[in-house]
N, C-alpha and C. Protein backbone atom coordinates (compact mmCIF):
# COMPACT_ATOMS: atom_id res chain seq x y z
N UNK A 1 172.64 46.63 144.27
CA UNK A 1 171.66 48.12 143.99
C UNK A 1 170.76 48.38 145.31
N UNK A 2 171.35 49.10 145.80
CA UNK A 2 170.56 49.73 146.99
C UNK A 2 169.06 50.30 146.81
N UNK A 3 168.18 49.85 147.90
CA UNK A 3 166.64 49.97 147.54
C UNK A 3 166.43 51.56 147.79
N UNK A 4 167.21 52.39 148.41
CA UNK A 4 166.97 53.70 148.83
C UNK A 4 167.74 54.72 147.50
N UNK A 5 168.38 54.00 146.44
CA UNK A 5 168.62 54.69 145.22
C UNK A 5 168.39 53.84 144.24
N UNK A 6 167.00 53.70 143.32
CA UNK A 6 166.74 52.60 142.65
C UNK A 6 167.14 53.04 141.05
N UNK A 7 167.34 52.10 140.43
CA UNK A 7 167.36 52.44 138.67
C UNK A 7 166.38 53.37 138.50
N UNK A 8 165.09 53.41 138.96
CA UNK A 8 164.32 54.34 138.39
C UNK A 8 164.77 55.89 138.85
N UNK A 9 165.57 56.45 139.65
CA UNK A 9 166.05 57.52 140.10
C UNK A 9 166.94 57.74 139.09
N UNK A 10 167.73 57.03 138.50
CA UNK A 10 168.65 57.18 137.41
C UNK A 10 168.10 57.56 135.96
N UNK A 11 166.68 56.69 135.83
CA UNK A 11 166.08 56.92 134.43
C UNK A 11 165.00 58.28 134.65
N UNK A 12 164.74 58.68 135.96
CA UNK A 12 164.41 60.16 136.16
C UNK A 12 165.14 60.95 135.70
N UNK A 13 166.58 60.91 136.37
CA UNK A 13 167.43 62.11 135.76
C UNK A 13 167.44 61.95 134.54
N UNK A 14 167.87 60.71 134.04
CA UNK A 14 168.28 60.77 132.52
C UNK A 14 166.98 61.32 131.70
N UNK A 15 166.10 60.89 132.14
CA UNK A 15 164.79 61.44 131.26
C UNK A 15 164.14 63.20 131.36
N UNK A 16 164.59 63.65 132.56
CA UNK A 16 164.10 65.18 133.05
C UNK A 16 164.94 66.09 133.28
N UNK A 17 166.08 65.78 133.68
CA UNK A 17 167.53 66.61 134.07
C UNK A 17 168.01 67.63 133.00
N UNK A 18 167.45 68.81 133.16
CA UNK A 18 167.57 69.90 132.18
C UNK A 18 169.17 69.88 131.94
N UNK A 19 169.81 70.38 132.98
CA UNK A 19 171.27 70.31 133.10
C UNK A 19 172.33 69.38 132.50
N UNK A 20 171.79 68.01 132.77
CA UNK A 20 172.39 66.96 131.53
C UNK A 20 171.86 67.17 130.06
N UNK A 21 170.72 67.67 129.98
CA UNK A 21 170.60 67.84 128.42
C UNK A 21 171.00 68.97 127.90
N UNK A 22 171.24 70.02 128.62
CA UNK A 22 171.76 70.99 128.35
C UNK A 22 173.34 70.77 128.03
N UNK A 23 174.35 70.48 128.85
CA UNK A 23 175.47 69.98 128.74
C UNK A 23 175.69 69.27 127.56
N UNK A 24 174.87 67.89 127.33
CA UNK A 24 175.34 67.15 126.51
C UNK A 24 175.28 67.91 125.07
N UNK A 25 173.77 68.90 124.92
CA UNK A 25 173.65 69.45 123.44
C UNK A 25 175.00 70.67 123.68
N UNK A 26 175.30 71.16 124.38
CA UNK A 26 176.34 72.20 124.49
C UNK A 26 177.84 71.54 124.01
N UNK A 27 177.85 70.54 124.58
CA UNK A 27 179.29 69.80 124.18
C UNK A 27 178.88 69.36 122.71
N UNK A 28 177.93 68.74 122.01
CA UNK A 28 177.72 68.52 120.58
C UNK A 28 177.59 69.44 119.89
N UNK A 29 177.29 70.43 120.23
CA UNK A 29 177.13 71.87 119.52
C UNK A 29 178.71 72.36 119.32
N UNK A 30 179.12 72.50 120.42
CA UNK A 30 180.73 72.83 120.59
C UNK A 30 181.33 72.12 119.66
N UNK A 31 181.39 70.96 119.95
CA UNK A 31 182.59 70.02 118.75
C UNK A 31 181.85 70.32 117.62
N UNK A 32 180.78 70.70 117.04
CA UNK A 32 180.80 70.93 115.52
C UNK A 32 181.41 71.93 115.19
N UNK A 33 181.18 73.15 115.99
CA UNK A 33 181.72 74.36 115.69
C UNK A 33 183.09 74.58 115.68
N UNK A 34 184.04 73.65 116.70
CA UNK A 34 185.23 73.18 116.56
C UNK A 34 185.68 72.92 115.43
N UNK A 35 184.99 71.83 115.02
CA UNK A 35 185.35 71.03 114.24
C UNK A 35 185.51 71.87 112.79
N UNK A 36 184.48 72.71 112.36
CA UNK A 36 184.30 73.82 111.71
C UNK A 36 185.28 74.90 111.69
N UNK A 37 185.66 75.36 112.64
CA UNK A 37 186.72 76.55 112.93
C UNK A 37 187.81 75.96 112.88
N UNK A 38 187.97 74.55 113.22
CA UNK A 38 189.55 74.08 112.80
C UNK A 38 190.52 74.80 111.91
N UNK A 39 190.11 74.84 110.55
CA UNK A 39 190.73 75.37 109.64
C UNK A 39 191.30 77.04 109.71
N UNK A 40 190.96 77.52 110.58
CA UNK A 40 191.23 78.87 110.97
C UNK A 40 192.08 79.15 112.49
N UNK A 41 192.15 77.59 112.55
CA UNK A 41 192.71 77.63 114.16
C UNK A 41 192.11 77.95 115.35
N UNK A 42 190.90 77.99 115.26
CA UNK A 42 190.16 78.48 116.54
C UNK A 42 189.06 77.67 117.25
N UNK A 43 188.80 77.66 118.41
CA UNK A 43 187.92 77.01 119.18
C UNK A 43 186.33 77.76 118.95
N UNK A 44 185.35 77.25 119.27
CA UNK A 44 184.33 77.77 119.61
C UNK A 44 184.60 78.78 120.42
N UNK A 45 185.29 78.41 121.79
CA UNK A 45 185.06 79.51 122.99
C UNK A 45 186.40 80.41 122.17
N UNK A 46 187.09 80.14 121.88
CA UNK A 46 187.98 81.12 121.30
C UNK A 46 187.40 82.11 120.37
N UNK A 47 186.64 81.79 119.62
CA UNK A 47 185.77 82.56 118.39
C UNK A 47 184.73 83.16 119.11
N UNK A 48 184.04 82.99 120.18
CA UNK A 48 183.16 83.88 121.09
C UNK A 48 183.85 84.88 121.73
N UNK A 49 185.22 84.51 122.37
CA UNK A 49 185.89 85.34 123.21
C UNK A 49 186.28 86.84 122.15
N UNK A 50 186.89 85.96 121.10
CA UNK A 50 187.32 86.97 120.12
C UNK A 50 186.21 88.36 119.76
N UNK A 51 185.19 87.62 119.05
CA UNK A 51 183.63 88.30 118.83
C UNK A 51 183.56 89.32 119.77
N UNK A 52 183.43 88.93 120.83
CA UNK A 52 182.98 89.70 122.05
C UNK A 52 183.94 91.05 122.42
N UNK A 53 185.34 91.04 121.80
CA UNK A 53 186.11 92.14 121.77
C UNK A 53 185.85 93.28 120.67
N UNK A 54 185.18 92.60 119.58
CA UNK A 54 185.17 93.35 118.65
C UNK A 54 183.93 94.68 118.90
N UNK A 55 184.71 95.80 119.46
CA UNK A 55 183.79 96.50 120.17
C UNK A 55 184.45 98.26 119.52
N UNK A 56 183.83 99.14 119.74
CA UNK A 56 184.47 100.32 119.45
C UNK A 56 185.72 100.77 120.39
N UNK A 57 185.58 100.48 121.67
CA UNK A 57 186.74 100.52 122.32
C UNK A 57 186.79 99.11 123.02
N UNK A 58 188.19 99.26 123.58
CA UNK A 58 188.59 97.98 124.10
C UNK A 58 187.70 97.57 125.81
N UNK A 59 187.06 96.77 125.81
CA UNK A 59 186.43 96.12 127.03
C UNK A 59 187.39 95.87 128.28
N UNK A 60 186.89 96.17 129.66
CA UNK A 60 187.60 95.40 130.53
C UNK A 60 187.56 94.03 130.60
N UNK A 61 188.41 93.89 131.19
CA UNK A 61 188.69 92.10 131.59
C UNK A 61 187.37 91.81 132.31
N UNK A 62 186.79 92.57 133.32
CA UNK A 62 185.54 92.31 133.88
C UNK A 62 184.54 92.23 133.17
N UNK A 63 184.36 92.97 132.18
CA UNK A 63 183.29 93.08 131.52
C UNK A 63 183.03 91.98 130.27
N UNK A 64 184.28 91.39 129.99
CA UNK A 64 184.26 90.13 128.98
C UNK A 64 183.83 88.95 129.49
N UNK A 65 184.48 88.90 130.83
CA UNK A 65 184.04 87.87 131.81
C UNK A 65 182.58 87.65 131.89
N UNK A 66 182.06 88.71 132.38
CA UNK A 66 180.55 88.63 132.57
C UNK A 66 180.07 88.49 131.27
N UNK A 67 180.14 88.92 130.26
CA UNK A 67 179.53 88.67 128.85
C UNK A 67 179.71 86.98 128.75
N UNK A 68 180.66 86.68 129.01
CA UNK A 68 180.70 85.42 128.49
C UNK A 68 180.31 84.12 129.42
N UNK A 69 180.18 84.98 130.72
CA UNK A 69 179.53 84.15 131.83
C UNK A 69 180.73 83.11 132.40
N UNK A 70 181.90 83.64 132.42
CA UNK A 70 183.21 83.03 133.22
C UNK A 70 183.89 83.73 134.15
N UNK A 71 184.52 83.31 134.94
CA UNK A 71 185.47 84.13 135.72
C UNK A 71 186.67 84.72 135.61
N UNK A 72 187.26 85.50 135.84
CA UNK A 72 188.63 86.25 135.39
C UNK A 72 189.61 85.62 135.18
N UNK A 73 189.92 84.37 136.11
CA UNK A 73 190.90 83.73 136.10
C UNK A 73 190.53 82.72 134.87
N UNK A 74 189.60 82.07 134.53
CA UNK A 74 189.19 81.20 133.21
C UNK A 74 189.47 82.04 132.02
N UNK A 75 188.88 83.57 131.94
CA UNK A 75 188.79 83.96 130.88
C UNK A 75 190.52 84.10 130.50
N UNK A 76 191.58 84.89 131.79
CA UNK A 76 192.46 84.69 131.48
C UNK A 76 193.64 83.50 130.96
N UNK A 77 193.08 82.38 131.26
CA UNK A 77 193.57 81.10 130.58
C UNK A 77 193.56 81.24 129.31
N UNK A 78 192.36 81.38 128.73
CA UNK A 78 191.43 81.18 127.56
C UNK A 78 192.66 82.50 126.67
N UNK A 79 192.87 83.72 127.52
CA UNK A 79 193.55 84.67 126.62
C UNK A 79 195.01 83.94 126.40
N UNK A 80 195.48 83.61 127.15
CA UNK A 80 197.00 83.16 126.76
C UNK A 80 197.03 82.80 125.42
N UNK A 81 196.38 81.63 124.61
CA UNK A 81 196.98 81.00 123.45
C UNK A 81 196.75 82.14 122.36
N UNK A 82 195.49 83.25 122.72
CA UNK A 82 195.02 83.95 121.77
C UNK A 82 196.41 84.87 121.61
N UNK A 83 196.93 85.15 122.87
CA UNK A 83 197.77 86.20 122.92
C UNK A 83 199.15 85.81 122.40
N UNK A 84 199.56 84.80 122.69
CA UNK A 84 200.81 83.93 121.97
C UNK A 84 200.90 84.04 120.58
N UNK A 85 199.36 83.88 119.85
CA UNK A 85 199.32 83.90 118.47
C UNK A 85 199.29 85.18 117.92
N UNK A 86 199.53 86.38 118.83
CA UNK A 86 199.22 87.72 118.43
C UNK A 86 197.80 88.02 117.99
N UNK A 87 196.76 87.70 118.17
CA UNK A 87 195.28 87.73 117.85
C UNK A 87 194.63 88.78 118.67
N UNK A 88 195.37 88.79 120.16
CA UNK A 88 194.41 89.67 121.08
C UNK A 88 195.67 90.39 121.94
N UNK A 89 195.37 91.44 122.40
CA UNK A 89 196.55 92.23 123.31
C UNK A 89 195.75 92.46 124.16
N UNK A 90 196.27 92.40 125.70
CA UNK A 90 195.70 93.01 126.66
C UNK A 90 196.85 94.31 127.34
N UNK A 91 196.23 95.10 127.57
CA UNK A 91 196.84 96.36 128.00
C UNK A 91 196.07 97.28 129.32
N UNK A 92 197.06 97.78 130.03
CA UNK A 92 196.36 98.50 131.45
C UNK A 92 195.46 99.47 130.83
N UNK A 93 194.42 99.74 131.52
CA UNK A 93 193.64 100.97 131.37
C UNK A 93 194.46 102.39 131.41
N UNK A 94 194.15 103.50 130.86
CA UNK A 94 194.64 104.56 130.77
C UNK A 94 194.46 105.21 131.99
N UNK A 95 193.33 105.07 132.56
CA UNK A 95 193.06 105.65 133.78
C UNK A 95 193.38 105.22 135.24
N UNK A 96 193.12 103.56 135.08
CA UNK A 96 193.56 103.05 136.37
C UNK A 96 194.14 102.11 135.88
N UNK A 97 195.65 101.93 136.12
CA UNK A 97 196.40 100.93 135.49
C UNK A 97 196.25 99.51 135.92
N UNK A 98 195.45 99.58 137.34
CA UNK A 98 195.05 97.79 137.69
C UNK A 98 194.44 97.33 137.00
N UNK A 99 193.45 98.13 135.84
CA UNK A 99 192.58 97.20 135.34
C UNK A 99 193.05 97.09 133.81
N UNK A 100 192.81 95.86 133.27
CA UNK A 100 193.09 95.39 132.00
C UNK A 100 192.21 95.60 130.83
N UNK A 101 192.48 96.01 129.88
CA UNK A 101 191.59 96.08 128.61
C UNK A 101 192.23 95.05 127.75
N UNK A 102 191.02 94.66 127.00
CA UNK A 102 191.44 93.61 125.84
C UNK A 102 190.99 94.00 124.36
N UNK A 103 191.98 93.89 123.48
CA UNK A 103 191.73 94.18 122.10
C UNK A 103 192.10 93.31 121.08
N UNK A 104 191.35 93.24 120.04
CA UNK A 104 191.97 92.26 118.61
C UNK A 104 193.13 92.95 118.21
N UNK A 105 193.74 92.40 117.61
CA UNK A 105 194.86 92.81 116.78
C UNK A 105 194.16 92.81 115.24
N UNK A 106 195.27 93.56 114.56
CA UNK A 106 194.84 93.18 112.80
C UNK A 106 194.89 91.77 112.54
N UNK A 107 195.62 91.19 112.93
CA UNK A 107 195.52 89.63 112.73
C UNK A 107 194.51 89.01 113.51
N UNK A 108 193.92 89.28 114.55
CA UNK A 108 193.19 88.70 114.98
C UNK A 108 191.54 89.31 114.34
N UNK A 109 191.63 90.46 113.69
CA UNK A 109 190.56 90.71 112.86
C UNK A 109 190.58 89.92 111.83
N UNK A 110 191.54 89.46 111.11
CA UNK A 110 192.01 88.83 110.19
C UNK A 110 191.24 87.32 110.07
N UNK A 111 191.66 86.80 111.22
CA UNK A 111 191.20 85.42 111.44
C UNK A 111 189.62 85.70 111.78
N UNK A 112 189.00 86.56 112.28
CA UNK A 112 187.71 86.68 112.63
C UNK A 112 186.78 86.79 111.25
N UNK A 113 187.37 87.63 110.22
CA UNK A 113 187.02 87.86 109.20
C UNK A 113 187.13 86.81 108.06
N UNK A 114 187.80 85.65 108.42
CA UNK A 114 187.99 84.50 107.68
C UNK A 114 186.93 83.63 108.49
N UNK A 115 186.55 83.43 109.83
CA UNK A 115 185.83 82.80 110.87
C UNK A 115 184.50 82.80 110.74
N UNK A 116 183.98 84.11 110.36
CA UNK A 116 182.73 84.60 110.30
C UNK A 116 181.68 84.04 109.29
N UNK A 117 182.04 83.59 107.92
CA UNK A 117 181.31 82.68 107.27
C UNK A 117 181.24 81.57 107.50
N UNK A 118 182.05 80.87 107.95
CA UNK A 118 182.46 79.34 108.63
C UNK A 118 181.13 79.40 110.13
N UNK A 119 181.51 80.43 110.92
CA UNK A 119 180.01 80.36 111.68
C UNK A 119 178.99 80.25 111.37
N UNK A 120 178.77 81.23 110.26
CA UNK A 120 177.33 81.31 109.84
C UNK A 120 176.91 80.06 109.33
N UNK A 121 177.93 79.54 108.32
CA UNK A 121 177.12 78.29 107.75
C UNK A 121 177.05 77.28 108.82
N UNK A 122 177.94 76.86 109.75
CA UNK A 122 177.77 76.03 110.74
C UNK A 122 176.37 76.12 111.61
N UNK A 123 176.11 77.38 111.93
CA UNK A 123 175.08 77.81 112.34
C UNK A 123 173.84 77.61 111.69
N UNK A 124 173.67 78.30 110.43
CA UNK A 124 172.66 77.76 109.67
C UNK A 124 172.46 76.25 109.58
N UNK A 125 173.25 75.18 109.76
CA UNK A 125 173.48 73.66 109.37
C UNK A 125 172.67 73.42 111.21
N UNK A 126 173.14 74.18 112.00
CA UNK A 126 172.54 73.50 113.17
C UNK A 126 171.06 74.14 113.36
N UNK A 127 170.69 75.11 113.04
CA UNK A 127 169.44 75.69 113.03
C UNK A 127 168.38 74.68 112.22
N UNK A 128 168.65 74.09 111.21
CA UNK A 128 167.86 73.36 110.33
C UNK A 128 167.72 72.19 110.99
N UNK A 129 168.52 71.77 112.14
CA UNK A 129 167.90 70.53 112.95
C UNK A 129 167.24 70.77 113.95
N UNK A 130 166.47 72.26 114.13
CA UNK A 130 165.65 72.27 114.97
C UNK A 130 164.28 72.21 114.51
N UNK A 131 163.48 72.27 114.98
CA UNK A 131 161.97 72.09 114.45
C UNK A 131 161.66 73.45 113.97
N UNK A 132 161.10 73.44 112.74
CA UNK A 132 161.23 74.68 111.85
C UNK A 132 162.22 75.74 111.46
N UNK A 133 163.38 74.62 111.85
CA UNK A 133 164.51 75.69 111.23
C UNK A 133 164.65 76.54 111.88
N UNK A 134 164.26 76.74 113.05
CA UNK A 134 164.05 78.49 113.85
C UNK A 134 164.94 78.34 115.36
N UNK A 135 165.77 78.68 115.35
CA UNK A 135 166.45 78.51 116.70
C UNK A 135 166.17 79.86 117.76
N UNK A 136 164.95 80.59 117.11
CA UNK A 136 164.58 81.81 118.03
C UNK A 136 163.88 81.24 119.24
N UNK A 137 162.92 80.51 119.56
CA UNK A 137 162.38 79.76 120.66
C UNK A 137 163.47 79.30 121.58
N UNK A 138 164.52 78.30 121.29
CA UNK A 138 165.31 77.99 121.94
C UNK A 138 166.25 78.93 122.59
N UNK A 139 166.64 79.98 121.90
CA UNK A 139 167.67 81.04 122.23
C UNK A 139 166.60 81.98 123.40
N UNK A 140 165.61 82.31 123.15
CA UNK A 140 164.79 82.63 124.11
C UNK A 140 164.38 82.22 125.37
N UNK A 141 164.34 80.68 125.54
CA UNK A 141 164.43 79.97 126.57
C UNK A 141 165.66 79.84 127.30
N UNK A 142 166.88 79.87 126.65
CA UNK A 142 168.14 79.76 126.90
C UNK A 142 168.64 81.24 127.91
N UNK A 143 167.93 82.32 126.94
CA UNK A 143 168.50 83.40 127.84
C UNK A 143 167.57 83.60 128.96
N UNK A 144 166.24 83.05 129.18
CA UNK A 144 165.73 83.17 130.29
C UNK A 144 166.37 82.62 131.39
N UNK A 145 166.82 81.11 131.11
CA UNK A 145 167.44 80.40 132.07
C UNK A 145 168.53 80.97 132.83
N UNK A 146 169.30 81.75 131.94
CA UNK A 146 170.57 81.98 132.34
C UNK A 146 170.39 83.34 132.56
N UNK A 147 169.49 84.42 132.70
CA UNK A 147 169.31 85.43 133.31
C UNK A 147 169.05 85.89 134.79
């Protein structure tokens, strides 16, 4: 081991690094939601994407990418399996054909109707793991960090 990179540095990162702990928590929570949503054939990312499309009018791809904090290329890749399953459609904008809008199909809405109670139950179980069973303070901190 080098003297300019002691084991204490590794321990400091392990004990202090918000990024590491957020990533670990996000992966653990993601696995729980993935397991729970498997019966309806969705991952937690697909569920979030589809819920973000549940709006009165179809959003632009850029709006959804911004809301989900992902780049357009990643969003487009995540849309492909949902399109193939007939859960989501991508259509040109009526006024500017260069823009794309995203919509849930009736089949997509049906899957979400089945998924929402699963999501709620899983979320309630995760909330109970937090101090006081309340995710509000954690969400507020996460919003502050992501804003």
